[in-house]
Amino acid sequence: MRACTGKAAALATLSYLTIVLATACGGSDVDQQPEATSPAETTTATTALTTPRALAPPPAQAGPPTITIDDFVFNGFNDVAVRPGVQVTVRNNDADPHTVTSNTPGAFNADVAARSDATFTAPSQPGSYPFHCNHHASMHGTLIVQ
């Protein structure tokens, strides 16, 4: 009996919603004829509803990817993806020299003098490449190649 009551309540709710929607759309006149549409209008409406929309590409990065060093911290680059083989710029704003050295031997290494820039080539194999500064053990980050 309980299941029957639940189904009856659901049917009553559905009926109520149908009446409310019919009233909101201009009444519940069953004899009312729908407005005629041309085949072109019907096709356009159907196409708009069924054709998936392409997502816009992500905005292009302005200039080459850059690791900025400020106050002994690699800024704005951790967990940022770059393309394989791209040139990466390292900008050292500190008064001390630093390095950007991959924890994977031979993957990349850039020595960056105080208040200057250097570049290195990102690895050609996709992956996650942790890096550090050879002069300052607390400095580390991750270069993601994809």
C-alpha atoms as a PDB file:
ATOM      1  CA  MET A   1       0.000   0.000   0.000  1.00  0.00           C
ATOM      2  CA  ARG A   2       2.862   2.365   0.839  1.00  0.00           C
ATOM      3  CA  ALA A   3       4.445   1.950  -2.663  1.00  0.00           C
ATOM      4  CA  CYS A   4       1.088   2.599  -4.243  1.00  0.00           C
ATOM      5  CA  THR A   5       0.724   5.816  -2.252  1.00  0.00           C
ATOM      6  CA  GLY A   6       4.206   6.941  -3.355  1.00  0.00           C
ATOM      7  CA  LYS A   7       3.392   6.322  -7.014  1.00  0.00           C
ATOM      8  CA  ALA A   8       0.074   8.108  -6.643  1.00  0.00           C
ATOM      9  CA  ALA A   9       1.798  11.112  -5.047  1.00  0.00           C
ATOM     10  CA  ALA A  10       4.386  11.236  -7.838  1.00  0.00           C
ATOM     11  CA  LEU A  11       1.620  11.064 -10.462  1.00  0.00           C
ATOM     12  CA  ALA A  12      -0.318  13.832  -8.719  1.00  0.00           C
ATOM     13  CA  THR A  13       2.813  16.020  -8.594  1.00  0.00           C
ATOM     14  CA  LEU A  14       3.498  15.380 -12.276  1.00  0.00           C
ATOM     15  CA  SER A  15      -0.099  16.239 -13.164  1.00  0.00           C
ATOM     16  CA  TYR A  16       0.094  19.441 -11.134  1.00  0.00           C
ATOM     17  CA  LEU A  17       3.342  20.491 -12.826  1.00  0.00           C
ATOM     18  CA  THR A  18       1.830  19.795 -16.245  1.00  0.00           C
ATOM     19  CA  ILE A  19      -1.120  22.069 -15.465  1.00  0.00           C
ATOM     20  CA  VAL A  20       1.153  24.801 -14.077  1.00  0.00           C
ATOM     21  CA  LEU A  21       3.425  24.676 -17.129  1.00  0.00           C
ATOM     22  CA  ALA A  22       0.480  24.650 -19.537  1.00  0.00           C
ATOM     23  CA  THR A  23      -0.993  27.680 -17.816  1.00  0.00           C
ATOM     24  CA  ALA A  24       2.332  29.517 -17.833  1.00  0.00           C
ATOM     25  CA  CYS A  25       2.730  28.871 -21.553  1.00  0.00           C
ATOM     26  CA  GLY A  26      -0.521  30.539 -22.524  1.00  0.00           C
ATOM     27  CA  GLY A  27      -3.296  28.429 -21.046  1.00  0.00           C
ATOM     28  CA  SER A  28      -4.437  24.868 -21.063  1.00  0.00           C
ATOM     29  CA  ASP A  29      -6.597  24.977 -24.191  1.00  0.00           C
ATOM     30  CA  VAL A  30      -6.271  21.486 -25.633  1.00  0.00           C
ATOM     31  CA  ASP A  31      -7.774  22.570 -28.986  1.00  0.00           C
ATOM     32  CA  GLN A  32      -5.148  25.291 -29.482  1.00  0.00           C
ATOM     33  CA  GLN A  33      -3.014  24.548 -32.563  1.00  0.00           C
ATOM     34  CA  PRO A  34       0.736  25.125 -32.409  1.00  0.00           C
ATOM     35  CA  GLU A  35       2.118  27.907 -34.553  1.00  0.00           C
ATOM     36  CA  ALA A  36       3.325  26.621 -37.925  1.00  0.00           C
ATOM     37  CA  THR A  37       7.053  26.602 -38.516  1.00  0.00           C
ATOM     38  CA  SER A  38       8.933  26.174 -41.718  1.00  0.00           C
ATOM     39  CA  PRO A  39      11.235  23.150 -42.182  1.00  0.00           C
ATOM     40  CA  ALA A  40      14.240  25.488 -42.100  1.00  0.00           C
ATOM     41  CA  GLU A  41      13.235  26.849 -38.674  1.00  0.00           C
ATOM     42  CA  THR A  42      12.730  23.339 -37.353  1.00  0.00           C
ATOM     43  CA  THR A  43      16.122  22.190 -38.686  1.00  0.00           C
ATOM     44  CA  THR A  44      17.898  25.191 -37.196  1.00  0.00           C
ATOM     45  CA  ALA A  45      16.320  24.638 -33.799  1.00  0.00           C
ATOM     46  CA  THR A  46      17.128  20.925 -33.882  1.00  0.00           C
ATOM     47  CA  THR A  47      20.707  21.547 -34.992  1.00  0.00           C
ATOM     48  CA  ALA A  48      21.253  24.088 -32.237  1.00  0.00           C
ATOM     49  CA  LEU A  49      20.079  21.604 -29.647  1.00  0.00           C
ATOM     50  CA  THR A  50      21.951  18.546 -30.904  1.00  0.00           C
ATOM     51  CA  THR A  51      25.232  19.906 -32.273  1.00  0.00           C
ATOM     52  CA  PRO A  52      27.941  19.961 -29.593  1.00  0.00           C
ATOM     53  CA  ARG A  53      29.678  23.306 -29.258  1.00  0.00           C
ATOM     54  CA  ALA A  54      33.456  23.338 -29.465  1.00  0.00           C
ATOM     55  CA  LEU A  55      35.192  24.740 -26.426  1.00  0.00           C
ATOM     56  CA  ALA A  56      37.256  27.827 -27.028  1.00  0.00           C
ATOM     57  CA  PRO A  57      41.010  27.148 -26.959  1.00  0.00           C
ATOM     58  CA  PRO A  58      42.827  28.425 -23.893  1.00  0.00           C
ATOM     59  CA  PRO A  59      44.262  31.919 -24.289  1.00  0.00           C
ATOM     60  CA  ALA A  60      47.707  32.010 -25.848  1.00  0.00           C
ATOM     61  CA  GLN A  61      50.527  32.575 -23.420  1.00  0.00           C
ATOM     62  CA  ALA A  62      52.130  35.985 -23.867  1.00  0.00           C
ATOM     63  CA  GLY A  63      55.766  35.297 -24.687  1.00  0.00           C
ATOM     64  CA  PRO A  64      57.838  32.318 -23.620  1.00  0.00           C
ATOM     65  CA  PRO A  65      57.131  30.543 -20.326  1.00  0.00           C
ATOM     66  CA  THR A  66      59.012  32.281 -17.529  1.00  0.00           C
ATOM     67  CA  ILE A  67      60.152  31.244 -14.073  1.00  0.00           C
ATOM     68  CA  THR A  68      60.598  34.351 -11.932  1.00  0.00           C
ATOM     69  CA  ILE A  69      62.769  34.240  -8.827  1.00  0.00           C
ATOM     70  CA  ASP A  70      61.857  36.748  -6.096  1.00  0.00           C
ATOM     71  CA  ASP A  71      63.102  36.629  -2.510  1.00  0.00           C
ATOM     72  CA  PHE A  72      64.507  33.101  -2.917  1.00  0.00           C
ATOM     73  CA  VAL A  73      61.232  31.664  -4.234  1.00  0.00           C
ATOM     74  CA  PHE A  74      60.374  30.329  -7.709  1.00  0.00           C
ATOM     75  CA  ASN A  75      57.207  32.331  -8.467  1.00  0.00           C
ATOM     76  CA  GLY A  76      54.289  31.761 -10.785  1.00  0.00           C
ATOM     77  CA  PHE A  77      55.489  28.548 -12.314  1.00  0.00           C
ATOM     78  CA  ASN A  78      54.856  25.542 -10.112  1.00  0.00           C
ATOM     79  CA  ASP A  79      52.433  23.127 -11.724  1.00  0.00           C
ATOM     80  CA  VAL A  80      52.338  25.101 -14.974  1.00  0.00           C
ATOM     81  CA  ALA A  81      52.555  23.012 -18.124  1.00  0.00           C
ATOM     82  CA  VAL A  82      54.874  23.751 -21.041  1.00  0.00           C
ATOM     83  CA  ARG A  83      55.254  22.094 -24.413  1.00  0.00           C
ATOM     84  CA  PRO A  84      58.125  19.655 -24.952  1.00  0.00           C
ATOM     85  CA  GLY A  85      61.281  21.345 -26.205  1.00  0.00           C
ATOM     86  CA  VAL A  86      60.102  24.931 -25.582  1.00  0.00           C
ATOM     87  CA  GLN A  87      62.582  27.591 -24.421  1.00  0.00           C
ATOM     88  CA  VAL A  88      61.917  28.545 -20.794  1.00  0.00           C
ATOM     89  CA  THR A  89      63.144  31.901 -19.501  1.00  0.00           C
ATOM     90  CA  VAL A  90      64.377  32.254 -15.919  1.00  0.00           C
ATOM     91  CA  ARG A  91      64.295  35.807 -14.522  1.00  0.00           C
ATOM     92  CA  ASN A  92      66.286  36.300 -11.310  1.00  0.00           C
ATOM     93  CA  ASN A  93      65.161  39.436  -9.470  1.00  0.00           C
ATOM     94  CA  ASP A  94      67.339  38.631  -6.432  1.00  0.00           C
ATOM     95  CA  ALA A  95      70.770  40.061  -5.627  1.00  0.00           C
ATOM     96  CA  ASP A  96      72.135  36.481  -5.315  1.00  0.00           C
ATOM     97  CA  PRO A  97      72.824  33.979  -8.106  1.00  0.00           C
ATOM     98  CA  HIS A  98      70.536  30.936  -8.431  1.00  0.00           C
ATOM     99  CA  THR A  99      70.160  27.810 -10.522  1.00  0.00           C
ATOM    100  CA  VAL A 100      67.157  25.999 -11.937  1.00  0.00           C
ATOM    101  CA  THR A 101      68.420  22.431 -11.847  1.00  0.00           C
ATOM    102  CA  SER A 102      66.297  19.389 -12.609  1.00  0.00           C
ATOM    103  CA  ASN A 103      66.239  16.617 -10.009  1.00  0.00           C
ATOM    104  CA  THR A 104      66.390  14.297 -13.044  1.00  0.00           C
ATOM    105  CA  PRO A 105      70.097  14.358 -13.965  1.00  0.00           C
ATOM    106  CA  GLY A 106      70.704  16.008 -17.325  1.00  0.00           C
ATOM    107  CA  ALA A 107      67.072  17.069 -17.963  1.00  0.00           C
ATOM    108  CA  PHE A 108      67.828  20.825 -17.645  1.00  0.00           C
ATOM    109  CA  ASN A 109      70.033  23.244 -15.766  1.00  0.00           C
ATOM    110  CA  ALA A 110      70.225  27.032 -15.873  1.00  0.00           C
ATOM    111  CA  ASP A 111      72.717  29.163 -13.947  1.00  0.00           C
ATOM    112  CA  VAL A 112      71.193  32.591 -13.388  1.00  0.00           C
ATOM    113  CA  ALA A 113      73.402  35.454 -12.253  1.00  0.00           C
ATOM    114  CA  ALA A 114      72.023  38.053  -9.836  1.00  0.00           C
ATOM    115  CA  ARG A 115      69.411  40.360 -11.398  1.00  0.00           C
ATOM    116  CA  SER A 116      69.597  38.719 -14.821  1.00  0.00           C
ATOM    117  CA  ASP A 117      67.852  36.264 -17.146  1.00  0.00           C
ATOM    118  CA  ALA A 118      68.828  32.850 -18.489  1.00  0.00           C
ATOM    119  CA  THR A 119      67.080  30.226 -20.616  1.00  0.00           C
ATOM    120  CA  PHE A 120      66.913  26.468 -20.862  1.00  0.00           C
ATOM    121  CA  THR A 121      65.133  23.998 -23.114  1.00  0.00           C
ATOM    122  CA  ALA A 122      62.292  21.989 -21.577  1.00  0.00           C
ATOM    123  CA  PRO A 123      62.696  18.201 -21.855  1.00  0.00           C
ATOM    124  CA  SER A 124      61.294  16.562 -24.986  1.00  0.00           C
ATOM    125  CA  GLN A 125      59.515  13.814 -23.013  1.00  0.00           C
ATOM    126  CA  PRO A 126      56.223  14.666 -21.270  1.00  0.00           C
ATOM    127  CA  GLY A 127      56.307  14.325 -17.517  1.00  0.00           C
ATOM    128  CA  SER A 128      56.673  16.079 -14.202  1.00  0.00           C
ATOM    129  CA  TYR A 129      60.182  17.401 -13.527  1.00  0.00           C
ATOM    130  CA  PRO A 130      60.923  18.595  -9.983  1.00  0.00           C
ATOM    131  CA  PHE A 131      63.752  21.143  -9.822  1.00  0.00           C
ATOM    132  CA  HIS A 132      65.806  23.007  -7.218  1.00  0.00           C
ATOM    133  CA  CYS A 133      68.434  25.701  -6.748  1.00  0.00           C
ATOM    134  CA  ASN A 134      71.943  24.312  -6.203  1.00  0.00           C
ATOM    135  CA  HIS A 135      72.835  27.305  -3.992  1.00  0.00           C
ATOM    136  CA  HIS A 136      69.731  27.364  -1.777  1.00  0.00           C
ATOM    137  CA  ALA A 137      68.258  24.058  -0.576  1.00  0.00           C
ATOM    138  CA  SER A 138      64.873  25.598   0.335  1.00  0.00           C
ATOM    139  CA  MET A 139      64.158  26.603  -3.278  1.00  0.00           C
ATOM    140  CA  HIS A 140      62.269  24.052  -5.356  1.00  0.00           C
ATOM    141  CA  GLY A 141      59.487  23.759  -7.922  1.00  0.00           C
ATOM    142  CA  THR A 142      58.084  21.507 -10.638  1.00  0.00           C
ATOM    143  CA  LEU A 143      58.162  21.859 -14.396  1.00  0.00           C
ATOM    144  CA  ILE A 144      55.329  19.933 -16.095  1.00  0.00           C
ATOM    145  CA  VAL A 145      55.935  19.010 -19.732  1.00  0.00           C
ATOM    146  CA  GLN A 146      52.874  17.958 -21.768  1.00  0.00           C
END
